[in-house]
């Protein structure tokens, strides 16, 4: 078991170091925090740059208060708007502003360049394929675990409905 734990510890340590490096590069190039980037990037892929707050929370795996505070900060900077949900008057949608869309696109380009330099070029095609395969295996295991978890099923149903 020690070898397994050593491999896990090595993975988590290098992942933390990589994430911190990518966050510093992003902030230096764009002025955005990693949290800003996560929100903007999720919205950039959403239809019309708009997601229900609950769906965004589920996508980011964030607590309600964290998303609420982050959205308030980003709204004050003109990157996002919080608007009433058209399907459910009790809910809110988070939408990109034009400035938010521009910032998101720029941040995505910066992140892609950083990942290309640090990950793609370092690993090469064979190891990158192995990384993708490993990620898919872990995701499948996490999806199965989520299906067995009643709290996760309830949160997913609330966020996505019958989809």
Protein backbone atom coordinates (compact mmCIF):
# COMPACT_ATOMS: atom_id res chain seq x y z
CA UNK A 1 0.00 0.00 0.00
CA UNK A 2 2.95 2.34 0.58
CA UNK A 3 3.79 2.46 -3.14
CA UNK A 4 0.18 3.31 -3.96
CA UNK A 5 0.10 6.09 -1.37
CA UNK A 6 3.49 7.37 -2.53
CA UNK A 7 2.18 7.58 -6.11
CA UNK A 8 -0.95 9.38 -4.89
CA UNK A 9 1.10 11.82 -2.79
CA UNK A 10 3.43 12.53 -5.71
CA UNK A 11 0.42 13.18 -7.95
CA UNK A 12 -1.28 15.52 -5.49
CA UNK A 13 1.95 17.42 -4.80
CA UNK A 14 2.74 18.00 -8.48
CA UNK A 15 -0.90 18.83 -9.20
CA UNK A 16 -0.89 21.50 -6.49
CA UNK A 17 2.40 22.92 -7.80
CA UNK A 18 1.10 22.95 -11.38
CA UNK A 19 -2.20 24.56 -10.38
CA UNK A 20 -0.38 27.28 -8.43
CA UNK A 21 1.98 27.96 -11.34
CA UNK A 22 -0.89 28.16 -13.83
CA UNK A 23 -2.81 30.50 -11.51
CA UNK A 24 0.20 32.83 -11.17
CA UNK A 25 0.70 32.92 -14.95
CA UNK A 26 -2.99 33.62 -15.50
CA UNK A 27 -3.07 36.46 -12.98
CA UNK A 28 0.13 37.98 -14.35
CA UNK A 29 -1.18 37.90 -17.95
CA UNK A 30 -4.84 38.80 -17.37
CA UNK A 31 -5.32 40.21 -13.87
CA UNK A 32 -7.88 37.45 -13.22
CA UNK A 33 -7.80 35.08 -10.27
CA UNK A 34 -8.13 31.33 -10.72
CA UNK A 35 -11.68 31.55 -9.33
CA UNK A 36 -12.51 34.29 -11.87
CA UNK A 37 -11.18 32.07 -14.63
CA UNK A 38 -13.16 29.03 -13.52
CA UNK A 39 -16.43 30.96 -13.54
CA UNK A 40 -15.72 32.74 -16.82
CA UNK A 41 -14.54 29.57 -18.55
CA UNK A 42 -17.66 27.64 -17.51
CA UNK A 43 -19.89 30.45 -18.78
CA UNK A 44 -17.94 30.80 -22.02
CA UNK A 45 -18.99 27.25 -22.95
CA UNK A 46 -22.63 27.73 -21.87
CA UNK A 47 -25.34 28.63 -24.40
CA UNK A 48 -25.46 32.43 -24.68
CA UNK A 49 -22.88 32.63 -21.87
CA UNK A 50 -25.65 31.95 -19.36
CA UNK A 51 -26.14 29.30 -16.67
CA UNK A 52 -28.45 28.89 -13.72
CA UNK A 53 -26.55 29.62 -10.53
CA UNK A 54 -27.33 26.13 -9.25
CA UNK A 55 -25.97 24.53 -12.41
CA UNK A 56 -22.84 26.68 -12.27
CA UNK A 57 -22.34 25.68 -8.63
CA UNK A 58 -22.65 22.02 -9.53
CA UNK A 59 -20.32 22.39 -12.52
CA UNK A 60 -17.64 24.07 -10.41
CA UNK A 61 -18.29 21.87 -7.36
CA UNK A 62 -18.53 25.01 -5.19
CA UNK A 63 -20.59 25.80 -2.13
CA UNK A 64 -23.46 28.26 -2.49
CA UNK A 65 -21.77 30.99 -0.44
CA UNK A 66 -18.51 30.74 -2.38
CA UNK A 67 -20.29 31.18 -5.71
CA UNK A 68 -22.44 33.99 -4.35
CA UNK A 69 -19.43 35.97 -3.10
CA UNK A 70 -17.45 35.32 -6.29
CA UNK A 71 -20.35 36.40 -8.52
CA UNK A 72 -20.82 39.57 -6.46
CA UNK A 73 -17.14 40.48 -6.86
CA UNK A 74 -17.14 39.74 -10.58
CA UNK A 75 -20.42 41.61 -11.12
CA UNK A 76 -18.97 44.67 -9.41
CA UNK A 77 -16.09 44.52 -11.93
CA UNK A 78 -18.52 44.32 -14.86
CA UNK A 79 -17.65 40.75 -15.89
CA UNK A 80 -20.98 39.11 -15.00
CA UNK A 81 -24.63 39.90 -14.44
CA UNK A 82 -27.04 38.11 -12.15
CA UNK A 83 -30.50 37.99 -13.71
CA UNK A 84 -33.79 36.36 -12.77
CA UNK A 85 -34.16 32.84 -14.11
CA UNK A 86 -36.77 32.62 -16.85
CA UNK A 87 -37.79 29.02 -15.95
CA UNK A 88 -37.90 29.41 -12.17
CA UNK A 89 -38.63 32.76 -10.52
CA UNK A 90 -36.91 31.53 -7.34
CA UNK A 91 -33.59 31.01 -9.11
CA UNK A 92 -30.94 33.18 -10.71
CA UNK A 93 -28.99 32.95 -13.93
CA UNK A 94 -25.41 34.13 -14.20
CA UNK A 95 -24.51 35.69 -17.55
CA UNK A 96 -21.35 36.98 -19.14
CA UNK A 97 -21.20 40.65 -20.02
CA UNK A 98 -19.33 41.71 -23.17
CA UNK A 99 -16.33 42.54 -20.97
CA UNK A 100 -16.64 39.15 -19.28
CA UNK A 101 -16.76 37.35 -22.62
CA UNK A 102 -13.64 39.20 -23.78
CA UNK A 103 -11.82 38.48 -20.50
CA UNK A 104 -12.85 34.81 -20.65
CA UNK A 105 -11.59 34.38 -24.21
CA UNK A 106 -8.27 36.03 -23.36
CA UNK A 107 -7.87 33.92 -20.20
CA UNK A 108 -8.63 30.75 -22.15
CA UNK A 109 -5.91 31.58 -24.68
CA UNK A 110 -3.41 32.26 -21.89
CA UNK A 111 -4.33 29.01 -20.11
CA UNK A 112 -4.07 26.98 -23.32
CA UNK A 113 -0.58 28.38 -24.00
CA UNK A 114 0.53 27.60 -20.45
CA UNK A 115 -0.84 24.06 -20.53
CA UNK A 116 0.72 23.45 -23.93
CA UNK A 117 4.14 24.56 -22.65
CA UNK A 118 4.01 22.85 -19.26
CA UNK A 119 1.96 19.72 -19.86
CA UNK A 120 1.66 18.85 -23.55
CA UNK A 121 5.28 19.50 -24.47
CA UNK A 122 6.56 17.84 -21.29
CA UNK A 123 4.48 14.67 -21.58
CA UNK A 124 4.44 14.14 -25.33
CA UNK A 125 1.71 12.32 -27.26
CA UNK A 126 2.00 8.86 -25.64
CA UNK A 127 1.96 10.05 -22.03
CA UNK A 128 -0.72 12.62 -22.82
CA UNK A 129 -2.91 9.80 -24.16
CA UNK A 130 -2.23 7.85 -20.95
CA UNK A 131 -3.17 10.91 -18.90
CA UNK A 132 -6.45 11.24 -20.82
CA UNK A 133 -7.17 7.54 -20.30
CA UNK A 134 -6.42 7.81 -16.58
CA UNK A 135 -8.67 10.85 -16.25
CA UNK A 136 -11.50 9.01 -18.04
CA UNK A 137 -11.15 6.01 -15.73
CA UNK A 138 -11.21 8.21 -12.63
CA UNK A 139 -14.21 10.17 -13.94
CA UNK A 140 -16.13 6.96 -14.59
CA UNK A 141 -15.37 5.79 -11.04
CA UNK A 142 -16.46 9.14 -9.62
CA UNK A 143 -19.66 9.05 -11.68
CA UNK A 144 -20.47 5.59 -10.29
CA UNK A 145 -19.75 6.80 -6.74
CA UNK A 146 -21.98 9.84 -7.31
CA UNK A 147 -24.84 7.60 -8.45
CA UNK A 148 -24.60 5.66 -5.16
CA UNK A 149 -24.52 8.88 -3.11
CA UNK A 150 -28.07 10.13 -2.38
CA UNK A 151 -26.87 13.67 -1.62
CA UNK A 152 -25.03 13.86 -4.93
CA UNK A 153 -28.03 12.46 -6.85
CA UNK A 154 -30.28 15.08 -5.24
CA UNK A 155 -27.86 17.93 -6.03
CA UNK A 156 -27.50 16.74 -9.63
CA UNK A 157 -31.28 16.49 -10.05
CA UNK A 158 -31.72 20.01 -8.65
CA UNK A 159 -29.07 21.41 -10.97
CA UNK A 160 -29.92 19.54 -14.15
CA UNK A 161 -33.47 18.27 -13.79
CA UNK A 162 -34.17 15.31 -16.04
CA UNK A 163 -31.26 15.94 -18.40
